[in-house]
Amino acid sequence: MVINVHKAALLAALLGLGLAVSGCASDDTQDPDYQTGYTAGCGTGTGYVAGNPSTVIRDPDMWRTSKPYRAGWKAGFNSCRVSTSNAPGAGSDYGYGRRNGPSGY
């Protein structure tokens, strides 16, 4: 019986800790910078041509200073990038390092 009480107390403590930690997480998706970045990243994803920097839509100041903008841009690019069978590497990282894409990550 003592073992079950200890297990219950441990479980309650772990559950409480998990709830406390999850409350500290922020939801960047509601941030206007995230939404702006997502729109720019999605626009890049639909029209990106490898090796042509003019096809990258990005605000350089926001990219440098806003974590939500960068997160939104990456999410938008990955969500909207075009994948076709006749465009080598389109929509995938096959043959390309992640750092070689327009996001630089």
C-alpha atoms as a PDB file:
ATOM      1  CA  MET A   1       0.000   0.000   0.000  1.00  0.00           C
ATOM      2  CA  VAL A   2       2.862   2.386   0.765  1.00  0.00           C
ATOM      3  CA  ILE A   3       4.303   1.857  -2.707  1.00  0.00           C
ATOM      4  CA  ASN A   4       1.031   2.902  -4.361  1.00  0.00           C
ATOM      5  CA  VAL A   5       0.889   6.129  -2.306  1.00  0.00           C
ATOM      6  CA  HIS A   6       4.433   7.016  -3.387  1.00  0.00           C
ATOM      7  CA  LYS A   7       3.624   6.276  -7.028  1.00  0.00           C
ATOM      8  CA  ALA A   8       0.519   8.447  -6.843  1.00  0.00           C
ATOM      9  CA  ALA A   9       2.458  11.306  -5.246  1.00  0.00           C
ATOM     10  CA  LEU A  10       5.209  11.026  -7.856  1.00  0.00           C
ATOM     11  CA  LEU A  11       2.692  10.952 -10.684  1.00  0.00           C
ATOM     12  CA  ALA A  12       0.907  14.014  -9.291  1.00  0.00           C
ATOM     13  CA  ALA A  13       4.206  15.882  -8.951  1.00  0.00           C
ATOM     14  CA  LEU A  14       5.249  15.032 -12.523  1.00  0.00           C
ATOM     15  CA  LEU A  15       1.854  16.026 -13.879  1.00  0.00           C
ATOM     16  CA  GLY A  16       2.002  19.341 -12.022  1.00  0.00           C
ATOM     17  CA  LEU A  17       5.498  20.018 -13.319  1.00  0.00           C
ATOM     18  CA  GLY A  18       4.408  19.231 -16.861  1.00  0.00           C
ATOM     19  CA  LEU A  19       1.486  21.639 -16.637  1.00  0.00           C
ATOM     20  CA  ALA A  20       3.702  24.365 -15.192  1.00  0.00           C
ATOM     21  CA  VAL A  21       6.278  24.005 -17.962  1.00  0.00           C
ATOM     22  CA  SER A  22       3.664  23.938 -20.722  1.00  0.00           C
ATOM     23  CA  GLY A  23       2.238  27.199 -19.376  1.00  0.00           C
ATOM     24  CA  CYS A  24       5.588  28.882 -20.014  1.00  0.00           C
ATOM     25  CA  ALA A  25       5.526  28.156 -23.743  1.00  0.00           C
ATOM     26  CA  SER A  26       4.523  31.066 -25.950  1.00  0.00           C
ATOM     27  CA  ASP A  27       2.299  30.805 -28.981  1.00  0.00           C
ATOM     28  CA  ASP A  28       4.251  32.678 -31.653  1.00  0.00           C
ATOM     29  CA  THR A  29       1.629  31.849 -34.283  1.00  0.00           C
ATOM     30  CA  GLN A  30      -0.589  34.661 -32.928  1.00  0.00           C
ATOM     31  CA  ASP A  31       2.236  37.212 -33.170  1.00  0.00           C
ATOM     32  CA  PRO A  32       1.806  39.665 -36.085  1.00  0.00           C
ATOM     33  CA  ASP A  33       5.500  39.225 -36.942  1.00  0.00           C
ATOM     34  CA  TYR A  34       4.960  35.459 -37.262  1.00  0.00           C
ATOM     35  CA  GLN A  35       2.007  36.010 -39.559  1.00  0.00           C
ATOM     36  CA  THR A  36       3.959  38.504 -41.689  1.00  0.00           C
ATOM     37  CA  GLY A  37       6.864  36.071 -41.904  1.00  0.00           C
ATOM     38  CA  TYR A  38       4.551  33.201 -42.808  1.00  0.00           C
ATOM     39  CA  THR A  39       3.075  35.207 -45.684  1.00  0.00           C
ATOM     40  CA  ALA A  40       6.529  36.123 -47.006  1.00  0.00           C
ATOM     41  CA  GLY A  41       7.819  32.567 -46.622  1.00  0.00           C
ATOM     42  CA  CYS A  42       4.782  31.122 -48.367  1.00  0.00           C
ATOM     43  CA  GLY A  43       5.215  33.608 -51.223  1.00  0.00           C
ATOM     44  CA  THR A  44       8.820  32.513 -51.539  1.00  0.00           C
ATOM     45  CA  GLY A  45       7.856  28.849 -51.377  1.00  0.00           C
ATOM     46  CA  THR A  46       5.464  29.136 -54.285  1.00  0.00           C
ATOM     47  CA  GLY A  47       7.863  31.010 -56.546  1.00  0.00           C
ATOM     48  CA  TYR A  48      11.365  30.111 -55.364  1.00  0.00           C
ATOM     49  CA  VAL A  49      13.940  29.346 -58.029  1.00  0.00           C
ATOM     50  CA  ALA A  50      17.163  27.847 -56.654  1.00  0.00           C
ATOM     51  CA  GLY A  51      20.113  30.128 -57.264  1.00  0.00           C
ATOM     52  CA  ASN A  52      17.930  33.162 -58.012  1.00  0.00           C
ATOM     53  CA  PRO A  53      17.896  35.409 -54.945  1.00  0.00           C
ATOM     54  CA  SER A  54      15.315  37.717 -56.524  1.00  0.00           C
ATOM     55  CA  THR A  55      12.698  34.996 -55.908  1.00  0.00           C
ATOM     56  CA  VAL A  56      13.189  35.200 -52.113  1.00  0.00           C
ATOM     57  CA  ILE A  57      10.622  37.419 -50.389  1.00  0.00           C
ATOM     58  CA  ARG A  58      11.943  38.469 -46.995  1.00  0.00           C
ATOM     59  CA  ASP A  59      12.286  41.581 -44.847  1.00  0.00           C
ATOM     60  CA  PRO A  60      16.007  41.570 -43.927  1.00  0.00           C
ATOM     61  CA  ASP A  61      15.559  43.743 -40.818  1.00  0.00           C
ATOM     62  CA  MET A  62      12.768  41.577 -39.428  1.00  0.00           C
ATOM     63  CA  TRP A  63      14.722  38.423 -40.329  1.00  0.00           C
ATOM     64  CA  ARG A  64      17.642  39.667 -38.209  1.00  0.00           C
ATOM     65  CA  THR A  65      15.654  40.952 -35.249  1.00  0.00           C
ATOM     66  CA  SER A  66      12.400  38.991 -34.912  1.00  0.00           C
ATOM     67  CA  LYS A  67      12.376  35.355 -33.866  1.00  0.00           C
ATOM     68  CA  PRO A  68       8.605  35.044 -34.560  1.00  0.00           C
ATOM     69  CA  TYR A  69       9.147  36.449 -38.090  1.00  0.00           C
ATOM     70  CA  ARG A  70      11.892  33.885 -38.790  1.00  0.00           C
ATOM     71  CA  ALA A  71       9.763  31.050 -37.400  1.00  0.00           C
ATOM     72  CA  GLY A  72       6.774  32.151 -39.477  1.00  0.00           C
ATOM     73  CA  TRP A  73       8.887  32.544 -42.616  1.00  0.00           C
ATOM     74  CA  LYS A  74      10.324  29.045 -42.278  1.00  0.00           C
ATOM     75  CA  ALA A  75       6.893  27.546 -41.577  1.00  0.00           C
ATOM     76  CA  GLY A  76       5.361  29.394 -44.537  1.00  0.00           C
ATOM     77  CA  PHE A  77       8.147  28.415 -46.900  1.00  0.00           C
ATOM     78  CA  ASN A  78       7.994  24.748 -45.901  1.00  0.00           C
ATOM     79  CA  SER A  79       4.211  24.709 -46.071  1.00  0.00           C
ATOM     80  CA  CYS A  80       3.877  26.376 -49.473  1.00  0.00           C
ATOM     81  CA  ARG A  81       6.956  25.320 -51.415  1.00  0.00           C
ATOM     82  CA  VAL A  82       6.108  23.771 -54.732  1.00  0.00           C
ATOM     83  CA  SER A  83       6.888  20.126 -55.330  1.00  0.00           C
ATOM     84  CA  THR A  84       6.806  18.843 -58.876  1.00  0.00           C
ATOM     85  CA  SER A  85       8.387  15.750 -60.344  1.00  0.00           C
ATOM     86  CA  ASN A  86      10.029  17.677 -63.188  1.00  0.00           C
ATOM     87  CA  ALA A  87      11.711  20.254 -60.963  1.00  0.00           C
ATOM     88  CA  PRO A  88      14.820  18.664 -59.407  1.00  0.00           C
ATOM     89  CA  GLY A  89      14.892  19.229 -55.690  1.00  0.00           C
ATOM     90  CA  ALA A  90      11.678  21.252 -55.607  1.00  0.00           C
ATOM     91  CA  GLY A  91       9.843  20.656 -52.368  1.00  0.00           C
ATOM     92  CA  SER A  92      12.580  18.527 -50.872  1.00  0.00           C
ATOM     93  CA  ASP A  93      16.055  18.749 -49.456  1.00  0.00           C
ATOM     94  CA  TYR A  94      17.274  15.837 -51.583  1.00  0.00           C
ATOM     95  CA  GLY A  95      20.683  16.686 -52.962  1.00  0.00           C
ATOM     96  CA  TYR A  96      20.803  19.972 -51.105  1.00  0.00           C
ATOM     97  CA  GLY A  97      21.942  20.753 -47.590  1.00  0.00           C
ATOM     98  CA  ARG A  98      19.411  22.566 -45.434  1.00  0.00           C
ATOM     99  CA  ARG A  99      21.804  25.487 -45.261  1.00  0.00           C
ATOM    100  CA  ASN A 100      21.723  25.878 -49.034  1.00  0.00           C
ATOM    101  CA  GLY A 101      18.028  26.804 -49.132  1.00  0.00           C
ATOM    102  CA  PRO A 102      16.775  30.392 -49.051  1.00  0.00           C
ATOM    103  CA  SER A 103      16.123  30.305 -45.317  1.00  0.00           C
ATOM    104  CA  GLY A 104      19.747  29.549 -44.456  1.00  0.00           C
ATOM    105  CA  TYR A 105      18.870  27.053 -41.736  1.00  0.00           C
END
